[in-house]
PDB file of all heavy atoms in Angstrom:
ATOM      1  N   ASN A   1     -17.325  -0.881  16.660  1.00  0.00           N
ATOM      2  CA  ASN A   1     -18.297  -0.088  17.457  1.00  0.00           C
ATOM      3  C   ASN A   1     -18.114   1.379  17.077  1.00  0.00           C
ATOM      4  O   ASN A   1     -17.015   1.896  16.974  1.00  0.00           O
ATOM      5  CB  ASN A   1     -18.069  -0.261  18.919  1.00  0.00           C
ATOM      6  CG  ASN A   1     -18.015  -1.738  19.338  1.00  0.00           C
ATOM      7  OD1 ASN A   1     -16.952  -2.319  19.537  1.00  0.00           O
ATOM      8  ND2 ASN A   1     -19.215  -2.312  19.495  1.00  0.00           N
ATOM      9  N   TYR A   2     -19.229   2.099  16.930  1.00  0.00           N
ATOM     10  CA  TYR A   2     -19.239   3.479  16.498  1.00  0.00           C
ATOM     11  C   TYR A   2     -20.177   4.278  17.336  1.00  0.00           C
ATOM     12  O   TYR A   2     -21.236   3.790  17.723  1.00  0.00           O
ATOM     13  CB  TYR A   2     -19.601   3.630  15.047  1.00  0.00           C
ATOM     14  CG  TYR A   2     -18.665   2.910  14.067  1.00  0.00           C
ATOM     15  CD1 TYR A   2     -18.922   1.632  13.637  1.00  0.00           C
ATOM     16  CD2 TYR A   2     -17.506   3.556  13.604  1.00  0.00           C
ATOM     17  CE1 TYR A   2     -18.080   0.998  12.778  1.00  0.00           C
ATOM     18  CE2 TYR A   2     -16.639   2.911  12.740  1.00  0.00           C
ATOM     19  CZ  TYR A   2     -16.933   1.657  12.299  1.00  0.00           C
ATOM     20  OH  TYR A   2     -16.110   0.985  11.428  1.00  0.00           O
ATOM     21  N   ALA A   3     -19.771   5.483  17.583  1.00  0.00           N
ATOM     22  CA  ALA A   3     -20.737   6.468  18.151  1.00  0.00           C
ATOM     23  C   ALA A   3     -21.852   6.742  17.148  1.00  0.00           C
ATOM     24  O   ALA A   3     -21.613   6.723  15.920  1.00  0.00           O
ATOM     25  CB  ALA A   3     -20.076   7.774  18.565  1.00  0.00           C
ATOM     26  N   ASP A   4     -23.064   7.005  17.688  1.00  0.00           N
ATOM     27  CA  ASP A   4     -24.154   7.269  16.748  1.00  0.00           C
ATOM     28  C   ASP A   4     -23.881   8.439  15.825  1.00  0.00           C
ATOM     29  O   ASP A   4     -24.317   8.457  14.655  1.00  0.00           O
ATOM     30  CB  ASP A   4     -25.435   7.522  17.557  1.00  0.00           C
ATOM     31  CG  ASP A   4     -25.967   6.271  18.213  1.00  0.00           C
ATOM     32  OD1 ASP A   4     -25.624   5.165  17.803  1.00  0.00           O
ATOM     33  OD2 ASP A   4     -26.793   6.453  19.184  1.00  0.00           O
ATOM     34  N   SER A   5     -23.115   9.378  16.326  1.00  0.00           N
ATOM     35  CA  SER A   5     -22.879  10.607  15.533  1.00  0.00           C
ATOM     36  C   SER A   5     -21.970  10.388  14.330  1.00  0.00           C
ATOM     37  O   SER A   5     -21.965  11.209  13.398  1.00  0.00           O
ATOM     38  CB  SER A   5     -22.221  11.681  16.450  1.00  0.00           C
ATOM     39  OG  SER A   5     -21.036  11.230  16.984  1.00  0.00           O
ATOM     40  N   VAL A   6     -21.231   9.253  14.285  1.00  0.00           N
ATOM     41  CA  VAL A   6     -20.352   9.044  13.158  1.00  0.00           C
ATOM     42  C   VAL A   6     -20.720   7.760  12.404  1.00  0.00           C
ATOM     43  O   VAL A   6     -20.081   7.469  11.352  1.00  0.00           O
ATOM     44  CB  VAL A   6     -18.865   8.940  13.631  1.00  0.00           C
ATOM     45  CG1 VAL A   6     -18.472  10.161  14.453  1.00  0.00           C
ATOM     46  CG2 VAL A   6     -18.627   7.656  14.482  1.00  0.00           C
ATOM     47  N   LYS A   7     -21.635   7.031  12.881  1.00  0.00           N
ATOM     48  CA  LYS A   7     -22.036   5.765  12.187  1.00  0.00           C
ATOM     49  C   LYS A   7     -22.438   6.028  10.772  1.00  0.00           C
ATOM     50  O   LYS A   7     -23.267   6.936  10.508  1.00  0.00           O
ATOM     51  CB  LYS A   7     -23.132   5.060  12.969  1.00  0.00           C
ATOM     52  CG  LYS A   7     -23.434   3.624  12.472  1.00  0.00           C
ATOM     53  CD  LYS A   7     -24.392   2.954  13.408  1.00  0.00           C
ATOM     54  CE  LYS A   7     -23.737   2.608  14.708  1.00  0.00           C
ATOM     55  NZ  LYS A   7     -24.596   1.771  15.622  1.00  0.00           N
ATOM     56  N   GLY A   8     -21.932   5.261   9.810  1.00  0.00           N
ATOM     57  CA  GLY A   8     -22.236   5.421   8.450  1.00  0.00           C
ATOM     58  C   GLY A   8     -21.272   6.354   7.720  1.00  0.00           C
ATOM     59  O   GLY A   8     -21.271   6.399   6.500  1.00  0.00           O
ATOM     60  N   ARG A   9     -20.475   7.104   8.493  1.00  0.00           N
ATOM     61  CA  ARG A   9     -19.517   8.041   7.890  1.00  0.00           C
ATOM     62  C   ARG A   9     -18.052   7.609   8.156  1.00  0.00           C
ATOM     63  O   ARG A   9     -17.208   7.900   7.333  1.00  0.00           O
ATOM     64  CB  ARG A   9     -19.736   9.426   8.419  1.00  0.00           C
ATOM     65  CG  ARG A   9     -21.154   9.987   8.064  1.00  0.00           C
ATOM     66  CD  ARG A   9     -21.250  11.451   8.462  1.00  0.00           C
ATOM     67  NE  ARG A   9     -21.079  11.668   9.881  1.00  0.00           N
ATOM     68  CZ  ARG A   9     -20.075  12.440  10.454  1.00  0.00           C
ATOM     69  NH1 ARG A   9     -19.230  12.991   9.633  1.00  0.00           N
ATOM     70  NH2 ARG A   9     -20.052  12.544  11.788  1.00  0.00           N
ATOM     71  N   PHE A  10     -17.792   7.096   9.330  1.00  0.00           N
ATOM     72  CA  PHE A  10     -16.478   6.712   9.765  1.00  0.00           C
ATOM     73  C   PHE A  10     -16.319   5.181   9.748  1.00  0.00           C
ATOM     74  O   PHE A  10     -17.263   4.434   9.979  1.00  0.00           O
ATOM     75  CB  PHE A  10     -16.148   7.176  11.172  1.00  0.00           C
ATOM     76  CG  PHE A  10     -16.051   8.666  11.381  1.00  0.00           C
ATOM     77  CD1 PHE A  10     -16.384   9.529  10.344  1.00  0.00           C
ATOM     78  CD2 PHE A  10     -15.535   9.161  12.518  1.00  0.00           C
ATOM     79  CE1 PHE A  10     -16.199  10.905  10.519  1.00  0.00           C
ATOM     80  CE2 PHE A  10     -15.396  10.563  12.752  1.00  0.00           C
ATOM     81  CZ  PHE A  10     -15.771  11.422  11.708  1.00  0.00           C
ATOM     82  N   THR A  11     -15.067   4.709   9.405  1.00  0.00           N
ATOM     83  CA  THR A  11     -14.787   3.303   9.401  1.00  0.00           C
ATOM     84  C   THR A  11     -13.480   3.072  10.169  1.00  0.00           C
ATOM     85  O   THR A  11     -12.491   3.674   9.784  1.00  0.00           O
ATOM     86  CB  THR A  11     -14.692   2.774   8.007  1.00  0.00           C
ATOM     87  OG1 THR A  11     -15.903   2.991   7.269  1.00  0.00           O
ATOM     88  CG2 THR A  11     -14.410   1.276   8.003  1.00  0.00           C
ATOM     89  N   ILE A  12     -13.504   2.141  11.123  1.00  0.00           N
ATOM     90  CA  ILE A  12     -12.276   1.812  11.844  1.00  0.00           C
ATOM     91  C   ILE A  12     -11.799   0.478  11.349  1.00  0.00           C
ATOM     92  O   ILE A  12     -12.547  -0.404  11.014  1.00  0.00           O
ATOM     93  CB  ILE A  12     -12.586   1.767  13.367  1.00  0.00           C
ATOM     94  CG1 ILE A  12     -11.289   1.642  14.146  1.00  0.00           C
ATOM     95  CG2 ILE A  12     -13.537   0.673  13.746  1.00  0.00           C
ATOM     96  CD1 ILE A  12     -11.466   1.808  15.669  1.00  0.00           C
ATOM     97  N   SER A  13     -10.442   0.321  11.266  1.00  0.00           N
ATOM     98  CA  SER A  13      -9.856  -0.907  10.786  1.00  0.00           C
ATOM     99  C   SER A  13      -8.476  -1.038  11.396  1.00  0.00           C
ATOM    100  O   SER A  13      -7.953  -0.142  12.024  1.00  0.00           O
ATOM    101  CB  SER A  13      -9.760  -0.910   9.271  1.00  0.00           C
ATOM    102  OG  SER A  13      -8.920   0.137   8.775  1.00  0.00           O
ATOM    103  N   ILE A  14      -7.913  -2.241  11.254  1.00  0.00           N
ATOM    104  CA  ILE A  14      -6.582  -2.512  11.802  1.00  0.00           C
ATOM    105  C   ILE A  14      -5.804  -3.344  10.801  1.00  0.00           C
ATOM    106  O   ILE A  14      -6.363  -4.112  10.038  1.00  0.00           O
ATOM    107  CB  ILE A  14      -6.732  -3.344  13.158  1.00  0.00           C
ATOM    108  CG1 ILE A  14      -5.391  -3.400  13.884  1.00  0.00           C
ATOM    109  CG2 ILE A  14      -7.356  -4.677  12.961  1.00  0.00           C
ATOM    110  CD1 ILE A  14      -5.497  -3.865  15.339  1.00  0.00           C
ATOM    111  N   ASN A  15      -4.453  -3.110  10.758  1.00  0.00           N
ATOM    112  CA  ASN A  15      -3.656  -3.819   9.830  1.00  0.00           C
ATOM    113  C   ASN A  15      -3.414  -5.273  10.273  1.00  0.00           C
ATOM    114  O   ASN A  15      -3.649  -5.643  11.410  1.00  0.00           O
ATOM    115  CB  ASN A  15      -2.373  -3.110   9.501  1.00  0.00           C
ATOM    116  CG  ASN A  15      -1.447  -3.021  10.682  1.00  0.00           C
ATOM    117  OD1 ASN A  15      -1.800  -3.351  11.810  1.00  0.00           O
ATOM    118  ND2 ASN A  15      -0.207  -2.605  10.429  1.00  0.00           N
ATOM    119  N   ASN A  16      -2.902  -6.080   9.308  1.00  0.00           N
ATOM    120  CA  ASN A  16      -2.722  -7.539   9.631  1.00  0.00           C
ATOM    121  C   ASN A  16      -1.704  -7.753  10.775  1.00  0.00           C
ATOM    122  O   ASN A  16      -1.858  -8.693  11.509  1.00  0.00           O
ATOM    123  CB  ASN A  16      -2.219  -8.253   8.375  1.00  0.00           C
ATOM    124  CG  ASN A  16      -3.279  -8.343   7.308  1.00  0.00           C
ATOM    125  OD1 ASN A  16      -4.510  -8.276   7.593  1.00  0.00           O
ATOM    126  ND2 ASN A  16      -2.887  -8.448   6.060  1.00  0.00           N
ATOM    127  N   ALA A  17      -0.713  -6.881  10.873  1.00  0.00           N
ATOM    128  CA  ALA A  17       0.309  -7.104  11.933  1.00  0.00           C
ATOM    129  C   ALA A  17      -0.169  -6.563  13.270  1.00  0.00           C
ATOM    130  O   ALA A  17       0.532  -6.702  14.256  1.00  0.00           O
ATOM    131  CB  ALA A  17       1.599  -6.333  11.539  1.00  0.00           C
ATOM    132  N   LYS A  18      -1.288  -5.989  13.302  1.00  0.00           N
ATOM    133  CA  LYS A  18      -1.894  -5.458  14.545  1.00  0.00           C
ATOM    134  C   LYS A  18      -1.064  -4.337  15.172  1.00  0.00           C
ATOM    135  O   LYS A  18      -0.927  -4.259  16.380  1.00  0.00           O
ATOM    136  CB  LYS A  18      -2.186  -6.571  15.563  1.00  0.00           C
ATOM    137  CG  LYS A  18      -3.031  -7.688  14.995  1.00  0.00           C
ATOM    138  CD  LYS A  18      -4.429  -7.236  14.638  1.00  0.00           C
ATOM    139  CE  LYS A  18      -5.337  -8.371  14.319  1.00  0.00           C
ATOM    140  NZ  LYS A  18      -5.020  -8.972  12.959  1.00  0.00           N
ATOM    141  N   THR A  19      -0.442  -3.550  14.304  1.00  0.00           N
ATOM    142  CA  THR A  19       0.404  -2.448  14.737  1.00  0.00           C
ATOM    143  C   THR A  19      -0.177  -1.086  14.482  1.00  0.00           C
ATOM    144  O   THR A  19       0.285  -0.097  14.995  1.00  0.00           O
ATOM    145  CB  THR A  19       1.772  -2.571  14.080  1.00  0.00           C
ATOM    146  OG1 THR A  19       1.627  -2.540  12.705  1.00  0.00           O
ATOM    147  CG2 THR A  19       2.553  -3.784  14.568  1.00  0.00           C
ATOM    148  N   THR A  20      -1.199  -1.023  13.644  1.00  0.00           N
ATOM    149  CA  THR A  20      -1.771   0.271  13.229  1.00  0.00           C
ATOM    150  C   THR A  20      -3.266   0.179  13.137  1.00  0.00           C
ATOM    151  O   THR A  20      -3.815  -0.762  12.563  1.00  0.00           O
ATOM    152  CB  THR A  20      -1.249   0.771  11.918  1.00  0.00           C
ATOM    153  OG1 THR A  20       0.216   0.768  11.938  1.00  0.00           O
ATOM    154  CG2 THR A  20      -1.783   2.119  11.573  1.00  0.00           C
ATOM    155  N   VAL A  21      -3.989   1.123  13.782  1.00  0.00           N
ATOM    156  CA  VAL A  21      -5.409   1.221  13.637  1.00  0.00           C
ATOM    157  C   VAL A  21      -5.736   2.427  12.863  1.00  0.00           C
ATOM    158  O   VAL A  21      -5.121   3.503  13.060  1.00  0.00           O
ATOM    159  CB  VAL A  21      -6.092   1.258  15.034  1.00  0.00           C
ATOM    160  CG1 VAL A  21      -7.562   1.600  14.883  1.00  0.00           C
ATOM    161  CG2 VAL A  21      -5.979  -0.100  15.740  1.00  0.00           C
ATOM    162  N   TYR A  22      -6.662   2.354  11.947  1.00  0.00           N
ATOM    163  CA  TYR A  22      -7.024   3.468  11.004  1.00  0.00           C
ATOM    164  C   TYR A  22      -8.407   3.920  11.315  1.00  0.00           C
ATOM    165  O   TYR A  22      -9.284   3.173  11.795  1.00  0.00           O
ATOM    166  CB  TYR A  22      -6.938   3.045   9.603  1.00  0.00           C
ATOM    167  CG  TYR A  22      -5.606   2.422   9.172  1.00  0.00           C
ATOM    168  CD1 TYR A  22      -5.394   1.113   9.087  1.00  0.00           C
ATOM    169  CD2 TYR A  22      -4.556   3.280   8.853  1.00  0.00           C
ATOM    170  CE1 TYR A  22      -4.153   0.574   8.736  1.00  0.00           C
ATOM    171  CE2 TYR A  22      -3.300   2.760   8.494  1.00  0.00           C
ATOM    172  CZ  TYR A  22      -3.147   1.386   8.461  1.00  0.00           C
ATOM    173  OH  TYR A  22      -1.916   0.888   8.094  1.00  0.00           O
ATOM    174  N   LEU A  23      -8.658   5.167  11.092  1.00  0.00           N
ATOM    175  CA  LEU A  23      -9.987   5.763  11.164  1.00  0.00           C
ATOM    176  C   LEU A  23     -10.196   6.546   9.869  1.00  0.00           C
ATOM    177  O   LEU A  23      -9.704   7.669   9.672  1.00  0.00           O
ATOM    178  CB  LEU A  23     -10.160   6.629  12.358  1.00  0.00           C
ATOM    179  CG  LEU A  23     -11.612   7.174  12.621  1.00  0.00           C
ATOM    180  CD1 LEU A  23     -12.529   6.059  12.990  1.00  0.00           C
ATOM    181  CD2 LEU A  23     -11.621   8.213  13.679  1.00  0.00           C
ATOM    182  N   GLN A  24     -11.000   5.909   8.978  1.00  0.00           N
ATOM    183  CA  GLN A  24     -11.344   6.604   7.716  1.00  0.00           C
ATOM    184  C   GLN A  24     -12.593   7.447   8.003  1.00  0.00           C
ATOM    185  O   GLN A  24     -13.611   6.912   8.458  1.00  0.00           O
ATOM    186  CB  GLN A  24     -11.679   5.572   6.630  1.00  0.00           C
ATOM    187  CG  GLN A  24     -12.112   6.197   5.333  1.00  0.00           C
ATOM    188  CD  GLN A  24     -11.020   7.008   4.622  1.00  0.00           C
ATOM    189  OE1 GLN A  24      -9.919   6.512   4.574  1.00  0.00           O
ATOM    190  NE2 GLN A  24     -11.370   8.197   4.238  1.00  0.00           N
ATOM    191  N   MET A  25     -12.491   8.726   7.767  1.00  0.00           N
ATOM    192  CA  MET A  25     -13.559   9.700   8.058  1.00  0.00           C
ATOM    193  C   MET A  25     -14.032  10.297   6.831  1.00  0.00           C
ATOM    194  O   MET A  25     -13.308  11.031   6.124  1.00  0.00           O
ATOM    195  CB  MET A  25     -13.054  10.760   9.068  1.00  0.00           C
ATOM    196  CG  MET A  25     -12.451  10.181  10.327  1.00  0.00           C
ATOM    197  SD  MET A  25     -12.026  11.482  11.550  1.00  0.00           S
ATOM    198  CE  MET A  25     -10.753  12.396  10.615  1.00  0.00           C
ATOM    199  N   ASN A  26     -15.249  10.015   6.424  1.00  0.00           N
ATOM    200  CA  ASN A  26     -15.896  10.570   5.236  1.00  0.00           C
ATOM    201  C   ASN A  26     -17.039  11.467   5.583  1.00  0.00           C
ATOM    202  O   ASN A  26     -17.557  11.422   6.738  1.00  0.00           O
ATOM    203  CB  ASN A  26     -16.379   9.447   4.332  1.00  0.00           C
ATOM    204  CG  ASN A  26     -15.278   8.515   3.829  1.00  0.00           C
ATOM    205  OD1 ASN A  26     -14.180   8.996   3.591  1.00  0.00           O
ATOM    206  ND2 ASN A  26     -15.598   7.264   3.693  1.00  0.00           N
ATOM    207  N   SER A  27     -17.490  12.289   4.691  1.00  0.00           N
ATOM    208  CA  SER A  27     -18.615  13.163   4.854  1.00  0.00           C
ATOM    209  C   SER A  27     -18.428  13.977   6.119  1.00  0.00           C
ATOM    210  O   SER A  27     -19.350  14.126   6.926  1.00  0.00           O
ATOM    211  CB  SER A  27     -19.926  12.391   4.908  1.00  0.00           C
ATOM    212  OG  SER A  27     -20.158  11.690   3.683  1.00  0.00           O
ATOM    213  N   LEU A  28     -17.310  14.565   6.304  1.00  0.00           N
ATOM    214  CA  LEU A  28     -16.952  15.253   7.562  1.00  0.00           C
ATOM    215  C   LEU A  28     -17.805  16.508   7.738  1.00  0.00           C
ATOM    216  O   LEU A  28     -18.178  17.228   6.777  1.00  0.00           O
ATOM    217  CB  LEU A  28     -15.502  15.632   7.549  1.00  0.00           C
ATOM    218  CG  LEU A  28     -14.586  14.499   7.890  1.00  0.00           C
ATOM    219  CD1 LEU A  28     -13.124  14.806   7.457  1.00  0.00           C
ATOM    220  CD2 LEU A  28     -14.578  14.193   9.405  1.00  0.00           C
ATOM    221  N   LYS A  29     -18.174  16.784   8.989  1.00  0.00           N
ATOM    222  CA  LYS A  29     -18.970  17.890   9.417  1.00  0.00           C
ATOM    223  C   LYS A  29     -18.207  18.778  10.289  1.00  0.00           C
ATOM    224  O   LYS A  29     -17.281  18.339  10.938  1.00  0.00           O
ATOM    225  CB  LYS A  29     -20.229  17.392  10.120  1.00  0.00           C
ATOM    226  CG  LYS A  29     -21.105  16.398   9.338  1.00  0.00           C
ATOM    227  CD  LYS A  29     -22.213  15.871  10.186  1.00  0.00           C
ATOM    228  CE  LYS A  29     -23.098  14.877   9.426  1.00  0.00           C
ATOM    229  NZ  LYS A  29     -24.193  14.377  10.290  1.00  0.00           N
ATOM    230  N   PRO A  30     -18.621  20.072  10.399  1.00  0.00           N
ATOM    231  CA  PRO A  30     -17.869  20.961  11.357  1.00  0.00           C
ATOM    232  C   PRO A  30     -17.827  20.440  12.778  1.00  0.00           C
ATOM    233  O   PRO A  30     -16.835  20.655  13.485  1.00  0.00           O
ATOM    234  CB  PRO A  30     -18.657  22.272  11.242  1.00  0.00           C
ATOM    235  CG  PRO A  30     -19.191  22.272   9.889  1.00  0.00           C
ATOM    236  CD  PRO A  30     -19.541  20.822   9.594  1.00  0.00           C
ATOM    237  N   GLU A  31     -18.883  19.721  13.186  1.00  0.00           N
ATOM    238  CA  GLU A  31     -18.901  19.192  14.545  1.00  0.00           C
ATOM    239  C   GLU A  31     -17.965  18.015  14.736  1.00  0.00           C
ATOM    240  O   GLU A  31     -17.816  17.569  15.891  1.00  0.00           O
ATOM    241  CB  GLU A  31     -20.340  18.788  14.933  1.00  0.00           C
ATOM    242  CG  GLU A  31     -21.032  17.883  13.949  1.00  0.00           C
ATOM    243  CD  GLU A  31     -21.946  18.672  12.972  1.00  0.00           C
ATOM    244  OE1 GLU A  31     -21.532  19.730  12.452  1.00  0.00           O
ATOM    245  OE2 GLU A  31     -23.119  18.225  12.735  1.00  0.00           O
ATOM    246  N   ASP A  32     -17.317  17.563  13.701  1.00  0.00           N
ATOM    247  CA  ASP A  32     -16.301  16.531  13.791  1.00  0.00           C
ATOM    248  C   ASP A  32     -14.966  17.114  14.231  1.00  0.00           C
ATOM    249  O   ASP A  32     -14.006  16.383  14.443  1.00  0.00           O
ATOM    250  CB  ASP A  32     -16.096  15.787  12.483  1.00  0.00           C
ATOM    251  CG  ASP A  32     -17.327  14.952  12.140  1.00  0.00           C
ATOM    252  OD1 ASP A  32     -17.923  14.298  13.058  1.00  0.00           O
ATOM    253  OD2 ASP A  32     -17.714  14.909  10.981  1.00  0.00           O
ATOM    254  N   THR A  33     -14.868  18.450  14.252  1.00  0.00           N
ATOM    255  CA  THR A  33     -13.647  19.101  14.586  1.00  0.00           C
ATOM    256  C   THR A  33     -13.192  18.740  16.039  1.00  0.00           C
ATOM    257  O   THR A  33     -14.022  18.670  16.920  1.00  0.00           O
ATOM    258  CB  THR A  33     -13.751  20.632  14.455  1.00  0.00           C
ATOM    259  OG1 THR A  33     -13.978  20.965  13.097  1.00  0.00           O
ATOM    260  CG2 THR A  33     -12.541  21.361  14.979  1.00  0.00           C
TER     261      THR A  33
END
């Protein structure tokens, strides 16, 4: 699930052990600060 403001730019994922969640943020904008 993604906010409309980040959809298509951010990707959330989780590792196999379910110990770490990642947020890959691409095409960053100043409003992402």
